[in-house]
Amino acid sequence: IGEKKKIVTRLEHALKVVICKSVGKQENILAQKEYEQRDLRISFTISTIFIYIT
């Protein structure tokens, strides 16, 4: 379980970096909110994928 959690964390971090770069460093509050929502969706998607894998 611990190993899987490490992999998920690494995947999430990598995706966050990619999204950060694609969104750019916008100081827009709306963009920030959108980013946070997308971030939650990605975390949820990764969790779902890992549940199906195991």
N, C-alpha and C. Protein backbone atom coordinates (compact mmCIF):
# COMPACT_ATOMS: atom_id res chain seq x y z
N ILE A 1 0.85 -1.22 0.00
CA ILE A 1 0.00 0.00 0.00
C ILE A 1 0.87 1.26 0.00
N GLY A 2 1.93 1.23 0.80
CA GLY A 2 2.85 2.38 0.90
C GLY A 2 3.51 2.70 -0.42
N GLU A 3 3.91 1.65 -1.16
CA GLU A 3 4.54 1.83 -2.46
C GLU A 3 3.58 2.52 -3.43
N LYS A 4 2.34 2.03 -3.44
CA LYS A 4 1.33 2.59 -4.34
C LYS A 4 1.10 4.07 -4.05
N LYS A 5 1.06 4.40 -2.77
CA LYS A 5 0.84 5.78 -2.38
C LYS A 5 1.96 6.68 -2.89
N LYS A 6 3.19 6.18 -2.84
CA LYS A 6 4.35 6.93 -3.33
C LYS A 6 4.21 7.20 -4.84
N ILE A 7 3.77 6.16 -5.57
CA ILE A 7 3.61 6.28 -7.02
C ILE A 7 2.53 7.31 -7.33
N VAL A 8 1.41 7.22 -6.63
CA VAL A 8 0.30 8.16 -6.83
C VAL A 8 0.77 9.59 -6.57
N THR A 9 1.50 9.79 -5.48
CA THR A 9 2.00 11.11 -5.12
C THR A 9 2.90 11.65 -6.22
N ARG A 10 3.77 10.78 -6.76
CA ARG A 10 4.67 11.19 -7.83
C ARG A 10 3.90 11.56 -9.08
N LEU A 11 2.90 10.76 -9.42
CA LEU A 11 2.06 11.02 -10.59
C LEU A 11 1.33 12.35 -10.43
N GLU A 12 0.74 12.56 -9.26
CA GLU A 12 0.02 13.80 -8.99
C GLU A 12 0.95 15.00 -9.12
N HIS A 13 2.14 14.88 -8.57
CA HIS A 13 3.10 15.97 -8.62
C HIS A 13 3.47 16.29 -10.06
N ALA A 14 3.74 15.25 -10.84
CA ALA A 14 4.11 15.42 -12.25
C ALA A 14 2.99 16.13 -13.02
N LEU A 15 1.75 15.71 -12.77
CA LEU A 15 0.60 16.31 -13.46
C LEU A 15 0.42 17.76 -13.03
N LYS A 16 0.63 18.03 -11.75
CA LYS A 16 0.51 19.40 -11.25
C LYS A 16 1.51 20.31 -11.92
N VAL A 17 2.73 19.81 -12.10
CA VAL A 17 3.78 20.59 -12.76
C VAL A 17 3.38 20.89 -14.20
N VAL A 18 2.86 19.88 -14.89
CA VAL A 18 2.42 20.04 -16.28
C VAL A 18 1.31 21.07 -16.37
N ILE A 19 0.32 20.95 -15.49
CA ILE A 19 -0.81 21.88 -15.49
C ILE A 19 -0.34 23.29 -15.18
N CYS A 20 0.54 23.40 -14.21
CA CYS A 20 1.09 24.70 -13.81
C CYS A 20 1.73 25.39 -15.02
N LYS A 21 2.51 24.64 -15.78
CA LYS A 21 3.18 25.19 -16.94
C LYS A 21 2.20 25.57 -18.03
N SER A 22 1.17 24.74 -18.24
CA SER A 22 0.20 25.00 -19.30
C SER A 22 -0.72 26.17 -18.94
N VAL A 23 -1.08 26.24 -17.66
CA VAL A 23 -1.94 27.35 -17.21
C VAL A 23 -1.12 28.64 -17.17
N GLY A 24 0.15 28.49 -16.89
CA GLY A 24 1.00 29.66 -16.76
C GLY A 24 0.83 30.27 -15.39
N LYS A 25 1.60 31.27 -15.08
CA LYS A 25 1.52 31.88 -13.75
C LYS A 25 0.55 33.06 -13.77
N GLN A 26 -0.70 32.74 -14.10
CA GLN A 26 -1.74 33.77 -14.15
C GLN A 26 -2.13 34.16 -12.73
N GLU A 27 -2.23 35.45 -12.50
CA GLU A 27 -2.63 35.93 -11.18
C GLU A 27 -4.15 36.10 -11.11
N ASN A 28 -4.81 35.53 -12.10
CA ASN A 28 -6.26 35.62 -12.19
C ASN A 28 -6.90 34.70 -11.15
N ILE A 29 -7.81 35.24 -10.34
CA ILE A 29 -8.47 34.46 -9.30
C ILE A 29 -9.32 33.35 -9.93
N LEU A 30 -9.96 33.67 -11.02
CA LEU A 30 -10.80 32.69 -11.71
C LEU A 30 -9.96 31.52 -12.22
N ALA A 31 -8.81 31.85 -12.78
CA ALA A 31 -7.89 30.82 -13.29
C ALA A 31 -7.40 29.94 -12.14
N GLN A 32 -7.16 30.57 -11.00
CA GLN A 32 -6.69 29.83 -9.82
C GLN A 32 -7.77 28.87 -9.34
N LYS A 33 -9.02 29.33 -9.33
CA LYS A 33 -10.13 28.48 -8.90
C LYS A 33 -10.29 27.31 -9.86
N GLU A 34 -10.19 27.60 -11.14
CA GLU A 34 -10.31 26.58 -12.17
C GLU A 34 -9.20 25.54 -12.01
N TYR A 35 -8.00 26.01 -11.71
CA TYR A 35 -6.85 25.13 -11.51
C TYR A 35 -7.09 24.20 -10.32
N GLU A 36 -7.62 24.77 -9.24
CA GLU A 36 -7.89 23.98 -8.04
C GLU A 36 -8.91 22.89 -8.31
N GLN A 37 -9.95 23.24 -9.07
CA GLN A 37 -10.98 22.26 -9.41
C GLN A 37 -10.40 21.16 -10.28
N ARG A 38 -9.58 21.55 -11.25
CA ARG A 38 -8.95 20.58 -12.15
C ARG A 38 -8.04 19.66 -11.34
N ASP A 39 -7.33 20.26 -10.38
CA ASP A 39 -6.43 19.53 -9.51
C ASP A 39 -7.19 18.45 -8.74
N LEU A 40 -8.35 18.81 -8.21
CA LEU A 40 -9.18 17.86 -7.46
C LEU A 40 -9.63 16.73 -8.39
N ARG A 41 -10.04 17.10 -9.61
CA ARG A 41 -10.50 16.10 -10.56
C ARG A 41 -9.38 15.13 -10.91
N ILE A 42 -8.16 15.64 -11.07
CA ILE A 42 -7.02 14.79 -11.41
C ILE A 42 -6.72 13.84 -10.26
N SER A 43 -6.72 14.35 -9.04
CA SER A 43 -6.47 13.50 -7.87
C SER A 43 -7.51 12.39 -7.81
N PHE A 44 -8.77 12.76 -8.05
CA PHE A 44 -9.86 11.79 -8.03
C PHE A 44 -9.69 10.75 -9.13
N THR A 45 -9.33 11.22 -10.32
CA THR A 45 -9.13 10.33 -11.48
C THR A 45 -8.01 9.34 -11.20
N ILE A 46 -6.90 9.83 -10.66
CA ILE A 46 -5.76 8.95 -10.35
C ILE A 46 -6.18 7.91 -9.32
N SER A 47 -6.90 8.33 -8.30
CA SER A 47 -7.37 7.40 -7.27
C SER A 47 -8.25 6.34 -7.89
N THR A 48 -9.15 6.75 -8.77
CA THR A 48 -10.07 5.83 -9.44
C THR A 48 -9.29 4.83 -10.28
N ILE A 49 -8.32 5.33 -11.05
CA ILE A 49 -7.50 4.47 -11.90
C ILE A 49 -6.79 3.42 -11.03
N PHE A 50 -6.21 3.86 -9.93
CA PHE A 50 -5.48 2.93 -9.07
C PHE A 50 -6.39 1.91 -8.41
N ILE A 51 -7.63 2.31 -8.13
CA ILE A 51 -8.59 1.37 -7.54
C ILE A 51 -8.88 0.27 -8.57
N TYR A 52 -9.04 0.66 -9.83
CA TYR A 52 -9.33 -0.32 -10.88
C TYR A 52 -8.13 -1.21 -11.17
N ILE A 53 -6.92 -0.69 -11.06
CA ILE A 53 -5.71 -1.46 -11.33
C ILE A 53 -5.57 -2.59 -10.31
N THR A 54 -5.85 -2.28 -9.05
CA THR A 54 -5.64 -3.28 -7.99
C THR A 54 -6.90 -4.05 -7.65
